[in-house]
């Protein structure tokens, strides 16, 4: 295993923070939606955010542990984010451009030789 690149450390921290926010938001947001009369929808959205939050937490931890599957899931999540950003660009406007740019930068970074080597994909 090679030395962990700084960008992987930053990604790990961001994924952990994002995961914590999604887990907490899934629980609180789902409960809030259920309280205002959107029971089924609130529960479904809460579960979806909770699951994505758990995956983000695992991705973040995996960045520090050099789990090889983190690279694959990170690439998949980044590609999905780009696709969602493109759809959002058409429906909500140019604010979605930020999502596309960030996901593209992450995707580009994950394909750098030192990053692939760290995750055992070189």
N, C-alpha and C. Protein backbone atom coordinates (compact mmCIF):
# COMPACT_ATOMS: atom_id res chain seq x y z
N UNK A 1 0.85 -1.18 0.00
CA UNK A 1 0.00 0.00 0.00
C UNK A 1 0.90 1.24 0.00
N UNK A 2 0.57 2.16 -0.88
CA UNK A 2 1.34 3.40 -0.95
C UNK A 2 0.83 4.39 0.08
N UNK A 3 1.56 5.49 0.23
CA UNK A 3 1.16 6.53 1.17
C UNK A 3 -0.13 7.20 0.70
N UNK A 4 -1.00 7.54 1.67
CA UNK A 4 -2.30 8.13 1.33
C UNK A 4 -2.11 9.54 0.80
N UNK A 5 -2.61 9.81 -0.41
CA UNK A 5 -2.54 11.17 -0.96
C UNK A 5 -3.41 12.13 -0.14
N UNK A 6 -3.00 13.40 -0.10
CA UNK A 6 -3.74 14.41 0.65
C UNK A 6 -5.19 14.52 0.18
N UNK A 7 -5.41 14.46 -1.13
CA UNK A 7 -6.76 14.56 -1.67
C UNK A 7 -7.67 13.44 -1.19
N UNK A 8 -7.12 12.25 -1.00
CA UNK A 8 -7.91 11.13 -0.48
C UNK A 8 -8.31 11.41 0.96
N UNK A 9 -7.40 12.00 1.74
CA UNK A 9 -7.73 12.38 3.12
C UNK A 9 -8.87 13.41 3.12
N UNK A 10 -8.78 14.40 2.25
CA UNK A 10 -9.82 15.43 2.16
C UNK A 10 -11.15 14.81 1.74
N UNK A 11 -11.10 13.95 0.72
CA UNK A 11 -12.32 13.26 0.28
C UNK A 11 -12.92 12.45 1.42
N UNK A 12 -12.07 11.74 2.15
CA UNK A 12 -12.55 10.93 3.27
C UNK A 12 -13.27 11.78 4.31
N UNK A 13 -12.66 12.91 4.66
CA UNK A 13 -13.28 13.80 5.65
C UNK A 13 -14.62 14.33 5.13
N UNK A 14 -14.65 14.75 3.86
CA UNK A 14 -15.89 15.28 3.29
C UNK A 14 -16.98 14.21 3.21
N UNK A 15 -16.59 12.99 2.83
CA UNK A 15 -17.58 11.91 2.78
C UNK A 15 -18.12 11.58 4.17
N UNK A 16 -17.26 11.60 5.17
CA UNK A 16 -17.73 11.35 6.54
C UNK A 16 -18.68 12.45 7.00
N UNK A 17 -18.30 13.70 6.78
CA UNK A 17 -19.18 14.81 7.19
C UNK A 17 -20.51 14.77 6.43
N UNK A 18 -20.44 14.54 5.12
CA UNK A 18 -21.67 14.43 4.33
C UNK A 18 -22.52 13.27 4.77
N UNK A 19 -21.88 12.15 5.09
CA UNK A 19 -22.62 10.98 5.56
C UNK A 19 -23.33 11.25 6.87
N UNK A 20 -22.64 11.92 7.80
CA UNK A 20 -23.27 12.26 9.07
C UNK A 20 -24.48 13.17 8.86
N UNK A 21 -24.32 14.16 8.00
CA UNK A 21 -25.45 15.06 7.71
C UNK A 21 -26.62 14.32 7.08
N UNK A 22 -26.33 13.40 6.16
CA UNK A 22 -27.41 12.65 5.52
C UNK A 22 -28.11 11.71 6.48
N UNK A 23 -27.35 11.06 7.36
CA UNK A 23 -27.96 10.16 8.34
C UNK A 23 -28.87 10.95 9.28
N UNK A 24 -28.34 12.05 9.81
CA UNK A 24 -29.13 12.88 10.72
C UNK A 24 -30.32 13.49 9.98
N UNK A 25 -30.08 13.99 8.77
CA UNK A 25 -31.17 14.57 7.98
C UNK A 25 -32.22 13.54 7.61
N UNK A 26 -31.79 12.33 7.32
CA UNK A 26 -32.74 11.27 6.99
C UNK A 26 -33.66 10.96 8.16
N UNK A 27 -33.08 10.92 9.35
CA UNK A 27 -33.88 10.62 10.54
C UNK A 27 -34.80 11.79 10.88
N UNK A 28 -34.23 12.98 11.00
CA UNK A 28 -35.02 14.15 11.40
C UNK A 28 -35.98 14.58 10.30
N UNK A 29 -35.48 14.63 9.06
CA UNK A 29 -36.33 15.05 7.94
C UNK A 29 -37.47 14.08 7.69
N UNK A 30 -37.17 12.79 7.76
CA UNK A 30 -38.23 11.79 7.56
C UNK A 30 -39.29 11.90 8.64
N UNK A 31 -38.84 12.09 9.88
CA UNK A 31 -39.80 12.24 10.99
C UNK A 31 -40.62 13.51 10.83
N UNK A 32 -39.98 14.59 10.39
CA UNK A 32 -40.69 15.86 10.23
C UNK A 32 -41.75 15.75 9.13
N UNK A 33 -41.39 15.10 8.02
CA UNK A 33 -42.36 14.94 6.94
C UNK A 33 -43.52 14.05 7.38
N UNK A 34 -43.22 13.06 8.20
CA UNK A 34 -44.29 12.19 8.69
C UNK A 34 -45.23 12.98 9.60
N UNK A 35 -44.68 13.92 10.37
CA UNK A 35 -45.50 14.69 11.30
C UNK A 35 -46.42 15.68 10.58
N UNK A 36 -46.05 16.12 9.38
CA UNK A 36 -46.89 17.08 8.67
C UNK A 36 -47.85 16.39 7.72
N UNK A 37 -47.96 15.09 7.83
CA UNK A 37 -48.96 14.38 7.05
C UNK A 37 -48.46 13.68 5.80
N UNK A 38 -47.16 13.64 5.60
CA UNK A 38 -46.60 12.95 4.44
C UNK A 38 -45.93 11.65 4.90
N UNK A 39 -46.68 10.83 5.61
CA UNK A 39 -46.14 9.64 6.27
C UNK A 39 -45.31 8.74 5.40
N UNK A 40 -45.91 8.18 4.35
CA UNK A 40 -45.19 7.24 3.50
C UNK A 40 -44.03 7.88 2.77
N UNK A 41 -44.27 9.07 2.23
CA UNK A 41 -43.21 9.79 1.51
C UNK A 41 -42.08 10.17 2.46
N UNK A 42 -42.43 10.64 3.65
CA UNK A 42 -41.42 11.01 4.64
C UNK A 42 -40.57 9.83 5.05
N UNK A 43 -41.22 8.70 5.28
CA UNK A 43 -40.48 7.50 5.67
C UNK A 43 -39.56 7.05 4.54
N UNK A 44 -40.07 7.05 3.31
CA UNK A 44 -39.26 6.61 2.17
C UNK A 44 -38.05 7.52 1.96
N UNK A 45 -38.27 8.83 1.98
CA UNK A 45 -37.15 9.76 1.82
C UNK A 45 -36.15 9.65 2.96
N UNK A 46 -36.66 9.49 4.17
CA UNK A 46 -35.78 9.33 5.32
C UNK A 46 -34.90 8.11 5.19
N UNK A 47 -35.47 7.00 4.75
CA UNK A 47 -34.70 5.76 4.58
C UNK A 47 -33.66 5.92 3.47
N UNK A 48 -34.07 6.55 2.37
CA UNK A 48 -33.13 6.75 1.25
C UNK A 48 -31.94 7.61 1.69
N UNK A 49 -32.21 8.74 2.35
CA UNK A 49 -31.13 9.60 2.84
C UNK A 49 -30.26 8.87 3.86
N UNK A 50 -30.89 8.10 4.73
CA UNK A 50 -30.15 7.35 5.75
C UNK A 50 -29.20 6.35 5.09
N UNK A 51 -29.66 5.61 4.10
CA UNK A 51 -28.83 4.61 3.42
C UNK A 51 -27.67 5.29 2.68
N UNK A 52 -27.97 6.37 1.96
CA UNK A 52 -26.90 7.08 1.25
C UNK A 52 -25.89 7.64 2.26
N UNK A 53 -26.37 8.09 3.41
CA UNK A 53 -25.48 8.59 4.46
C UNK A 53 -24.56 7.50 4.99
N UNK A 54 -25.10 6.31 5.19
CA UNK A 54 -24.28 5.18 5.66
C UNK A 54 -23.22 4.84 4.62
N UNK A 55 -23.60 4.82 3.34
CA UNK A 55 -22.62 4.55 2.27
C UNK A 55 -21.54 5.62 2.27
N UNK A 56 -21.92 6.88 2.41
CA UNK A 56 -20.93 7.97 2.46
C UNK A 56 -20.00 7.81 3.66
N UNK A 57 -20.54 7.44 4.80
CA UNK A 57 -19.69 7.19 5.97
C UNK A 57 -18.68 6.08 5.70
N UNK A 58 -19.15 4.99 5.08
CA UNK A 58 -18.25 3.89 4.76
C UNK A 58 -17.20 4.30 3.74
N UNK A 59 -17.60 5.12 2.75
CA UNK A 59 -16.62 5.63 1.79
C UNK A 59 -15.55 6.46 2.49
N UNK A 60 -15.97 7.31 3.40
CA UNK A 60 -15.02 8.15 4.13
C UNK A 60 -14.06 7.33 4.96
N UNK A 61 -14.58 6.35 5.69
CA UNK A 61 -13.72 5.48 6.49
C UNK A 61 -12.79 4.69 5.58
N UNK A 62 -13.33 4.22 4.46
CA UNK A 62 -12.54 3.45 3.51
C UNK A 62 -11.39 4.24 2.91
N UNK A 63 -11.53 5.55 2.82
CA UNK A 63 -10.43 6.39 2.34
C UNK A 63 -9.23 6.31 3.28
N UNK A 64 -9.49 6.19 4.56
CA UNK A 64 -8.41 6.11 5.54
C UNK A 64 -7.86 4.69 5.67
N UNK A 65 -8.68 3.70 5.31
CA UNK A 65 -8.27 2.30 5.43
C UNK A 65 -7.79 1.71 4.11
N UNK A 66 -7.89 2.46 3.02
CA UNK A 66 -7.48 2.03 1.67
C UNK A 66 -8.26 0.80 1.21
N UNK A 67 -9.55 0.76 1.52
CA UNK A 67 -10.39 -0.34 1.03
C UNK A 67 -10.52 -0.20 -0.48
N UNK A 68 -10.23 -1.26 -1.22
CA UNK A 68 -10.20 -1.17 -2.68
C UNK A 68 -11.57 -0.88 -3.28
N UNK A 69 -12.64 -1.34 -2.66
CA UNK A 69 -13.98 -1.11 -3.21
C UNK A 69 -14.39 0.36 -3.13
N UNK A 70 -13.74 1.14 -2.28
CA UNK A 70 -14.08 2.56 -2.16
C UNK A 70 -13.84 3.28 -3.48
N UNK A 71 -12.78 2.91 -4.17
CA UNK A 71 -12.48 3.54 -5.46
C UNK A 71 -13.62 3.28 -6.45
N UNK A 72 -14.07 2.05 -6.53
CA UNK A 72 -15.14 1.68 -7.47
C UNK A 72 -16.43 2.41 -7.14
N UNK A 73 -16.83 2.38 -5.88
CA UNK A 73 -18.08 3.03 -5.47
C UNK A 73 -17.96 4.55 -5.62
N UNK A 74 -16.78 5.10 -5.35
CA UNK A 74 -16.57 6.54 -5.54
C UNK A 74 -16.73 6.94 -6.99
N UNK A 75 -16.21 6.12 -7.90
CA UNK A 75 -16.37 6.39 -9.34
C UNK A 75 -17.85 6.31 -9.73
N UNK A 76 -18.53 5.29 -9.24
CA UNK A 76 -19.96 5.12 -9.56
C UNK A 76 -20.77 6.29 -9.02
N UNK A 77 -20.55 6.66 -7.75
CA UNK A 77 -21.29 7.79 -7.15
C UNK A 77 -21.01 9.10 -7.89
N UNK A 78 -19.75 9.31 -8.29
CA UNK A 78 -19.42 10.54 -9.01
C UNK A 78 -20.10 10.58 -10.37
N UNK A 79 -20.12 9.45 -11.07
CA UNK A 79 -20.78 9.39 -12.37
C UNK A 79 -22.29 9.64 -12.22
N UNK A 80 -22.89 9.04 -11.21
CA UNK A 80 -24.32 9.25 -10.96
C UNK A 80 -24.59 10.72 -10.62
N UNK A 81 -23.70 11.33 -9.85
CA UNK A 81 -23.86 12.75 -9.50
C UNK A 81 -23.80 13.64 -10.74
N UNK A 82 -22.93 13.29 -11.67
CA UNK A 82 -22.86 14.06 -12.92
C UNK A 82 -24.16 13.92 -13.69
N UNK A 83 -24.69 12.71 -13.79
CA UNK A 83 -25.95 12.50 -14.50
C UNK A 83 -27.10 13.24 -13.83
N UNK A 84 -27.18 13.16 -12.51
CA UNK A 84 -28.22 13.88 -11.78
C UNK A 84 -28.06 15.38 -11.97
N UNK A 85 -26.81 15.84 -11.97
CA UNK A 85 -26.54 17.26 -12.20
C UNK A 85 -26.99 17.73 -13.57
N UNK A 86 -26.79 16.89 -14.58
CA UNK A 86 -27.23 17.24 -15.93
C UNK A 86 -28.75 17.36 -15.98
N UNK A 87 -29.44 16.40 -15.36
CA UNK A 87 -30.91 16.47 -15.31
C UNK A 87 -31.34 17.71 -14.54
N UNK A 88 -30.68 17.99 -13.43
CA UNK A 88 -31.00 19.18 -12.63
C UNK A 88 -30.72 20.45 -13.39
N UNK A 89 -29.69 20.44 -14.21
CA UNK A 89 -29.34 21.61 -15.03
C UNK A 89 -30.50 21.97 -15.95
N UNK A 90 -31.14 20.95 -16.50
CA UNK A 90 -32.27 21.17 -17.40
C UNK A 90 -33.51 21.61 -16.63
N UNK A 91 -33.71 21.04 -15.43
CA UNK A 91 -34.94 21.32 -14.70
C UNK A 91 -34.86 22.51 -13.75
N UNK A 92 -33.70 22.72 -13.11
CA UNK A 92 -33.63 23.78 -12.10
C UNK A 92 -32.74 24.95 -12.48
N UNK A 93 -31.91 24.79 -13.48
CA UNK A 93 -31.07 25.91 -13.90
C UNK A 93 -29.60 25.68 -13.63
N UNK A 94 -28.86 26.77 -13.75
CA UNK A 94 -27.41 26.70 -13.72
C UNK A 94 -26.81 26.43 -12.35
N UNK A 95 -27.60 26.46 -11.28
CA UNK A 95 -27.04 26.16 -9.96
C UNK A 95 -26.56 24.71 -9.89
N UNK A 96 -27.12 23.86 -10.72
CA UNK A 96 -26.69 22.46 -10.76
C UNK A 96 -25.31 22.30 -11.37
N UNK A 97 -24.84 23.34 -12.02
CA UNK A 97 -23.50 23.30 -12.63
C UNK A 97 -22.41 23.06 -11.59
N UNK A 98 -22.61 23.56 -10.39
CA UNK A 98 -21.65 23.37 -9.31
C UNK A 98 -21.54 21.88 -8.98
N UNK A 99 -22.68 21.20 -8.89
CA UNK A 99 -22.69 19.76 -8.62
C UNK A 99 -21.94 19.00 -9.70
N UNK A 100 -22.16 19.37 -10.95
CA UNK A 100 -21.50 18.70 -12.07
C UNK A 100 -19.99 18.90 -12.00
N UNK A 101 -19.57 20.12 -11.74
CA UNK A 101 -18.14 20.44 -11.70
C UNK A 101 -17.45 19.69 -10.55
N UNK A 102 -18.05 19.70 -9.38
CA UNK A 102 -17.46 19.01 -8.22
C UNK A 102 -17.35 17.51 -8.48
N UNK A 103 -18.43 16.92 -8.99
CA UNK A 103 -18.40 15.48 -9.27
C UNK A 103 -17.37 15.15 -10.35
N UNK A 104 -17.24 16.01 -11.34
CA UNK A 104 -16.25 15.78 -12.40
C UNK A 104 -14.83 15.88 -11.86
N UNK A 105 -14.59 16.82 -10.97
CA UNK A 105 -13.26 16.95 -10.36
C UNK A 105 -12.94 15.70 -9.53
N UNK A 106 -13.91 15.23 -8.75
CA UNK A 106 -13.69 14.02 -7.96
C UNK A 106 -13.42 12.83 -8.87
N UNK A 107 -14.21 12.70 -9.93
CA UNK A 107 -14.02 11.59 -10.87
C UNK A 107 -12.64 11.66 -11.51
N UNK A 108 -12.23 12.84 -11.94
CA UNK A 108 -10.90 13.03 -12.52
C UNK A 108 -9.83 12.65 -11.49
N UNK A 109 -9.99 13.11 -10.27
CA UNK A 109 -9.00 12.84 -9.22
C UNK A 109 -8.89 11.35 -8.94
N UNK A 110 -10.01 10.66 -8.91
CA UNK A 110 -9.98 9.22 -8.61
C UNK A 110 -9.21 8.43 -9.66
N UNK A 111 -9.09 8.97 -10.86
CA UNK A 111 -8.35 8.29 -11.92
C UNK A 111 -6.87 8.67 -11.98
N UNK A 112 -6.40 9.49 -11.04
CA UNK A 112 -4.98 9.83 -11.01
C UNK A 112 -4.18 8.61 -10.56
N UNK A 113 -3.00 8.39 -11.14
CA UNK A 113 -2.22 7.18 -10.86
C UNK A 113 -1.93 6.94 -9.37
N UNK A 114 -1.58 8.00 -8.62
CA UNK A 114 -1.26 7.81 -7.21
C UNK A 114 -2.49 7.42 -6.39
N UNK A 115 -3.67 7.91 -6.81
CA UNK A 115 -4.92 7.57 -6.12
C UNK A 115 -5.30 6.13 -6.42
N UNK A 116 -5.22 5.75 -7.68
CA UNK A 116 -5.51 4.36 -8.04
C UNK A 116 -4.54 3.41 -7.35
N UNK A 117 -3.26 3.79 -7.27
CA UNK A 117 -2.27 2.94 -6.59
C UNK A 117 -2.60 2.80 -5.12
N UNK A 118 -3.03 3.88 -4.48
CA UNK A 118 -3.38 3.83 -3.05
C UNK A 118 -4.51 2.83 -2.80
N UNK A 119 -5.49 2.80 -3.70
CA UNK A 119 -6.61 1.87 -3.55
C UNK A 119 -6.35 0.50 -4.19
N UNK A 120 -5.15 0.29 -4.68
CA UNK A 120 -4.79 -1.00 -5.25
C UNK A 120 -5.38 -1.23 -6.64
N UNK A 121 -5.61 -0.17 -7.38
CA UNK A 121 -6.22 -0.28 -8.71
C UNK A 121 -5.24 0.05 -9.83
N UNK A 122 -3.96 0.23 -9.49
CA UNK A 122 -2.96 0.59 -10.53
C UNK A 122 -2.48 -0.62 -11.29
